[in-house]
């Protein structure tokens, strides 16, 4: 949730928020041109997707 709050504070719209049951990860795609993407693992660690 920290990452969603950070994006919101920076006025970046969250376009996609999806949970993958098989991988047990969250995928977030944000930004006005969808330029921000991150994967959040089950343990809470997250990485930007390039």
PDB file of N, CA and C in Angstrom:
ATOM      1  N   UNK A   1       0.804  -1.184   0.000  1.00  0.00           N
ATOM      2  CA  UNK A   1       0.000   0.000   0.000  1.00  0.00           C
ATOM      3  C   UNK A   1       0.860   1.265   0.000  1.00  0.00           C
ATOM      4  N   UNK A   2       2.084   1.161   0.513  1.00  0.00           N
ATOM      5  CA  UNK A   2       2.982   2.312   0.533  1.00  0.00           C
ATOM      6  C   UNK A   2       3.207   2.842  -0.879  1.00  0.00           C
ATOM      7  N   UNK A   3       3.420   1.942  -1.811  1.00  0.00           N
ATOM      8  CA  UNK A   3       3.684   2.345  -3.193  1.00  0.00           C
ATOM      9  C   UNK A   3       2.470   3.052  -3.798  1.00  0.00           C
ATOM     10  N   UNK A   4       1.274   2.574  -3.528  1.00  0.00           N
ATOM     11  CA  UNK A   4       0.063   3.225  -4.031  1.00  0.00           C
ATOM     12  C   UNK A   4      -0.074   4.622  -3.439  1.00  0.00           C
ATOM     13  N   UNK A   5       0.219   4.756  -2.146  1.00  0.00           N
ATOM     14  CA  UNK A   5       0.155   6.062  -1.493  1.00  0.00           C
ATOM     15  C   UNK A   5       1.180   7.016  -2.088  1.00  0.00           C
ATOM     16  N   UNK A   6       2.384   6.521  -2.340  1.00  0.00           N
ATOM     17  CA  UNK A   6       3.436   7.343  -2.934  1.00  0.00           C
ATOM     18  C   UNK A   6       3.015   7.846  -4.317  1.00  0.00           C
ATOM     19  N   UNK A   7       2.477   6.969  -5.136  1.00  0.00           N
ATOM     20  CA  UNK A   7       2.015   7.372  -6.464  1.00  0.00           C
ATOM     21  C   UNK A   7       0.905   8.406  -6.363  1.00  0.00           C
ATOM     22  N   UNK A   8       0.004   8.207  -5.433  1.00  0.00           N
ATOM     23  CA  UNK A   8      -1.094   9.144  -5.234  1.00  0.00           C
ATOM     24  C   UNK A   8      -0.579  10.511  -4.786  1.00  0.00           C
ATOM     25  N   UNK A   9       0.381  10.534  -3.884  1.00  0.00           N
ATOM     26  CA  UNK A   9       0.945  11.796  -3.407  1.00  0.00           C
ATOM     27  C   UNK A   9       1.654  12.550  -4.526  1.00  0.00           C
ATOM     28  N   UNK A  10       2.179  11.824  -5.506  1.00  0.00           N
ATOM     29  CA  UNK A  10       2.857  12.436  -6.643  1.00  0.00           C
ATOM     30  C   UNK A  10       1.884  12.742  -7.792  1.00  0.00           C
ATOM     31  N   UNK A  11       0.573  12.595  -7.531  1.00  0.00           N
ATOM     32  CA  UNK A  11      -0.483  12.859  -8.514  1.00  0.00           C
ATOM     33  C   UNK A  11      -0.335  12.016  -9.770  1.00  0.00           C
ATOM     34  N   UNK A  12       0.055  10.769  -9.593  1.00  0.00           N
ATOM     35  CA  UNK A  12       0.168   9.844 -10.711  1.00  0.00           C
ATOM     36  C   UNK A  12      -1.037   8.890 -10.687  1.00  0.00           C
ATOM     37  N   UNK A  13      -1.798   8.832 -11.759  1.00  0.00           N
ATOM     38  CA  UNK A  13      -2.949   7.926 -11.782  1.00  0.00           C
ATOM     39  C   UNK A  13      -2.492   6.467 -11.859  1.00  0.00           C
ATOM     40  N   UNK A  14      -3.182   5.617 -11.124  1.00  0.00           N
ATOM     41  CA  UNK A  14      -2.920   4.177 -11.171  1.00  0.00           C
ATOM     42  C   UNK A  14      -3.854   3.595 -12.224  1.00  0.00           C
ATOM     43  N   UNK A  15      -3.266   3.053 -13.294  1.00  0.00           N
ATOM     44  CA  UNK A  15      -4.043   2.545 -14.419  1.00  0.00           C
ATOM     45  C   UNK A  15      -4.451   1.082 -14.229  1.00  0.00           C
ATOM     46  N   UNK A  16      -3.517   0.262 -13.731  1.00  0.00           N
ATOM     47  CA  UNK A  16      -3.774  -1.169 -13.557  1.00  0.00           C
ATOM     48  C   UNK A  16      -3.291  -1.584 -12.173  1.00  0.00           C
ATOM     49  N   UNK A  17      -4.120  -2.336 -11.486  1.00  0.00           N
ATOM     50  CA  UNK A  17      -3.777  -2.912 -10.186  1.00  0.00           C
ATOM     51  C   UNK A  17      -4.280  -4.346 -10.243  1.00  0.00           C
ATOM     52  N   UNK A  18      -3.364  -5.302 -10.343  1.00  0.00           N
ATOM     53  CA  UNK A  18      -3.774  -6.688 -10.593  1.00  0.00           C
ATOM     54  C   UNK A  18      -3.029  -7.654  -9.676  1.00  0.00           C
ATOM     55  N   UNK A  19      -3.765  -8.639  -9.167  1.00  0.00           N
ATOM     56  CA  UNK A  19      -3.189  -9.690  -8.341  1.00  0.00           C
ATOM     57  C   UNK A  19      -3.059 -10.960  -9.162  1.00  0.00           C
ATOM     58  N   UNK A  20      -1.860 -11.545  -9.183  1.00  0.00           N
ATOM     59  CA  UNK A  20      -1.609 -12.795  -9.894  1.00  0.00           C
ATOM     60  C   UNK A  20      -1.610 -13.928  -8.869  1.00  0.00           C
ATOM     61  N   UNK A  21      -2.639 -14.773  -8.899  1.00  0.00           N
ATOM     62  CA  UNK A  21      -2.772 -15.855  -7.925  1.00  0.00           C
ATOM     63  C   UNK A  21      -1.671 -16.899  -8.073  1.00  0.00           C
ATOM     64  N   UNK A  22      -1.263 -17.162  -9.291  1.00  0.00           N
ATOM     65  CA  UNK A  22      -0.243 -18.181  -9.528  1.00  0.00           C
ATOM     66  C   UNK A  22       1.106 -17.756  -8.949  1.00  0.00           C
ATOM     67  N   UNK A  23       1.514 -16.520  -9.210  1.00  0.00           N
ATOM     68  CA  UNK A  23       2.802 -16.019  -8.722  1.00  0.00           C
ATOM     69  C   UNK A  23       2.701 -15.359  -7.351  1.00  0.00           C
ATOM     70  N   UNK A  24       1.471 -15.117  -6.903  1.00  0.00           N
ATOM     71  CA  UNK A  24       1.200 -14.440  -5.634  1.00  0.00           C
ATOM     72  C   UNK A  24       1.908 -13.085  -5.575  1.00  0.00           C
ATOM     73  N   UNK A  25       1.711 -12.290  -6.626  1.00  0.00           N
ATOM     74  CA  UNK A  25       2.298 -10.959  -6.710  1.00  0.00           C
ATOM     75  C   UNK A  25       1.234  -9.949  -7.117  1.00  0.00           C
ATOM     76  N   UNK A  26       1.498  -8.689  -6.811  1.00  0.00           N
ATOM     77  CA  UNK A  26       0.668  -7.586  -7.273  1.00  0.00           C
ATOM     78  C   UNK A  26       1.417  -6.862  -8.375  1.00  0.00           C
ATOM     79  N   UNK A  27       0.701  -6.446  -9.390  1.00  0.00           N
ATOM     80  CA  UNK A  27       1.282  -5.667 -10.481  1.00  0.00           C
ATOM     81  C   UNK A  27       0.580  -4.320 -10.506  1.00  0.00           C
ATOM     82  N   UNK A  28       1.362  -3.252 -10.509  1.00  0.00           N
ATOM     83  CA  UNK A  28       0.807  -1.908 -10.569  1.00  0.00           C
ATOM     84  C   UNK A  28       1.404  -1.202 -11.775  1.00  0.00           C
ATOM     85  N   UNK A  29       0.537  -0.622 -12.581  1.00  0.00           N
ATOM     86  CA  UNK A  29       0.969   0.197 -13.707  1.00  0.00           C
ATOM     87  C   UNK A  29       0.355   1.576 -13.506  1.00  0.00           C
ATOM     88  N   UNK A  30       1.208   2.607 -13.555  1.00  0.00           N
ATOM     89  CA  UNK A  30       0.739   3.949 -13.236  1.00  0.00           C
ATOM     90  C   UNK A  30       1.412   4.981 -14.124  1.00  0.00           C
ATOM     91  N   UNK A  31       0.981   6.226 -13.940  1.00  0.00           N
ATOM     92  CA  UNK A  31       1.533   7.342 -14.690  1.00  0.00           C
ATOM     93  C   UNK A  31       0.591   7.760 -15.794  1.00  0.00           C
ATOM     94  N   UNK A  32       0.749   8.984 -16.216  1.00  0.00           N
ATOM     95  CA  UNK A  32      -0.134   9.516 -17.264  1.00  0.00           C
ATOM     96  C   UNK A  32       0.039   8.777 -18.585  1.00  0.00           C
ATOM     97  N   UNK A  33       1.237   8.294 -18.859  1.00  0.00           N
ATOM     98  CA  UNK A  33       1.499   7.540 -20.095  1.00  0.00           C
ATOM     99  C   UNK A  33       1.891   6.100 -19.772  1.00  0.00           C
ATOM    100  N   UNK A  34       1.459   5.595 -18.623  1.00  0.00           N
ATOM    101  CA  UNK A  34       1.759   4.222 -18.185  1.00  0.00           C
ATOM    102  C   UNK A  34       3.257   3.954 -18.107  1.00  0.00           C
ATOM    103  N   UNK A  35       4.045   4.965 -17.738  1.00  0.00           N
ATOM    104  CA  UNK A  35       5.497   4.818 -17.723  1.00  0.00           C
ATOM    105  C   UNK A  35       6.043   4.202 -16.430  1.00  0.00           C
ATOM    106  N   UNK A  36       5.188   4.004 -15.434  1.00  0.00           N
ATOM    107  CA  UNK A  36       5.629   3.434 -14.163  1.00  0.00           C
ATOM    108  C   UNK A  36       4.984   2.054 -14.000  1.00  0.00           C
ATOM    109  N   UNK A  37       5.800   1.048 -13.741  1.00  0.00           N
ATOM    110  CA  UNK A  37       5.281  -0.300 -13.497  1.00  0.00           C
ATOM    111  C   UNK A  37       6.093  -0.932 -12.383  1.00  0.00           C
ATOM    112  N   UNK A  38       5.412  -1.639 -11.493  1.00  0.00           N
ATOM    113  CA  UNK A  38       6.092  -2.277 -10.370  1.00  0.00           C
ATOM    114  C   UNK A  38       5.418  -3.598 -10.051  1.00  0.00           C
ATOM    115  N   UNK A  39       6.213  -4.525  -9.544  1.00  0.00           N
ATOM    116  CA  UNK A  39       5.713  -5.809  -9.072  1.00  0.00           C
ATOM    117  C   UNK A  39       6.003  -5.901  -7.585  1.00  0.00           C
ATOM    118  N   UNK A  40       4.978  -6.229  -6.812  1.00  0.00           N
ATOM    119  CA  UNK A  40       5.119  -6.369  -5.364  1.00  0.00           C
ATOM    120  C   UNK A  40       5.006  -7.846  -5.018  1.00  0.00           C
ATOM    121  N   UNK A  41       6.044  -8.382  -4.398  1.00  0.00           N
ATOM    122  CA  UNK A  41       6.062  -9.790  -4.012  1.00  0.00           C
ATOM    123  C   UNK A  41       5.264 -10.017  -2.741  1.00  0.00           C
ATOM    124  N   UNK A  42       5.010 -11.270  -2.449  1.00  0.00           N
ATOM    125  CA  UNK A  42       4.221 -11.642  -1.285  1.00  0.00           C
ATOM    126  C   UNK A  42       4.860 -11.161   0.023  1.00  0.00           C
ATOM    127  N   UNK A  43       6.179 -11.095   0.077  1.00  0.00           N
ATOM    128  CA  UNK A  43       6.867 -10.665   1.293  1.00  0.00           C
ATOM    129  C   UNK A  43       6.908  -9.144   1.458  1.00  0.00           C
ATOM    130  N   UNK A  44       6.332  -8.407   0.502  1.00  0.00           N
ATOM    131  CA  UNK A  44       6.269  -6.955   0.601  1.00  0.00           C
ATOM    132  C   UNK A  44       7.359  -6.218  -0.151  1.00  0.00           C
ATOM    133  N   UNK A  45       8.365  -6.919  -0.629  1.00  0.00           N
ATOM    134  CA  UNK A  45       9.409  -6.284  -1.436  1.00  0.00           C
ATOM    135  C   UNK A  45       8.853  -5.972  -2.810  1.00  0.00           C
ATOM    136  N   UNK A  46       9.310  -4.871  -3.385  1.00  0.00           N
ATOM    137  CA  UNK A  46       8.822  -4.490  -4.709  1.00  0.00           C
ATOM    138  C   UNK A  46       9.979  -4.014  -5.574  1.00  0.00           C
ATOM    139  N   UNK A  47       9.768  -4.163  -6.886  1.00  0.00           N
ATOM    140  CA  UNK A  47      10.750  -3.779  -7.896  1.00  0.00           C
ATOM    141  C   UNK A  47      10.050  -3.092  -9.038  1.00  0.00           C
ATOM    142  N   UNK A  48      10.725  -2.094  -9.604  1.00  0.00           N
ATOM    143  CA  UNK A  48      10.212  -1.467 -10.812  1.00  0.00           C
ATOM    144  C   UNK A  48      10.472  -2.376 -12.000  1.00  0.00           C
ATOM    145  N   UNK A  49       9.542  -2.391 -12.929  1.00  0.00           N
ATOM    146  CA  UNK A  49       9.684  -3.160 -14.161  1.00  0.00           C
ATOM    147  C   UNK A  49      10.120  -2.193 -15.247  1.00  0.00           C
ATOM    148  N   UNK A  50      11.204  -2.523 -15.911  1.00  0.00           N
ATOM    149  CA  UNK A  50      11.709  -1.640 -16.971  1.00  0.00           C
ATOM    150  C   UNK A  50      11.317  -2.138 -18.336  1.00  0.00           C
TER     151      UNK A  50
END
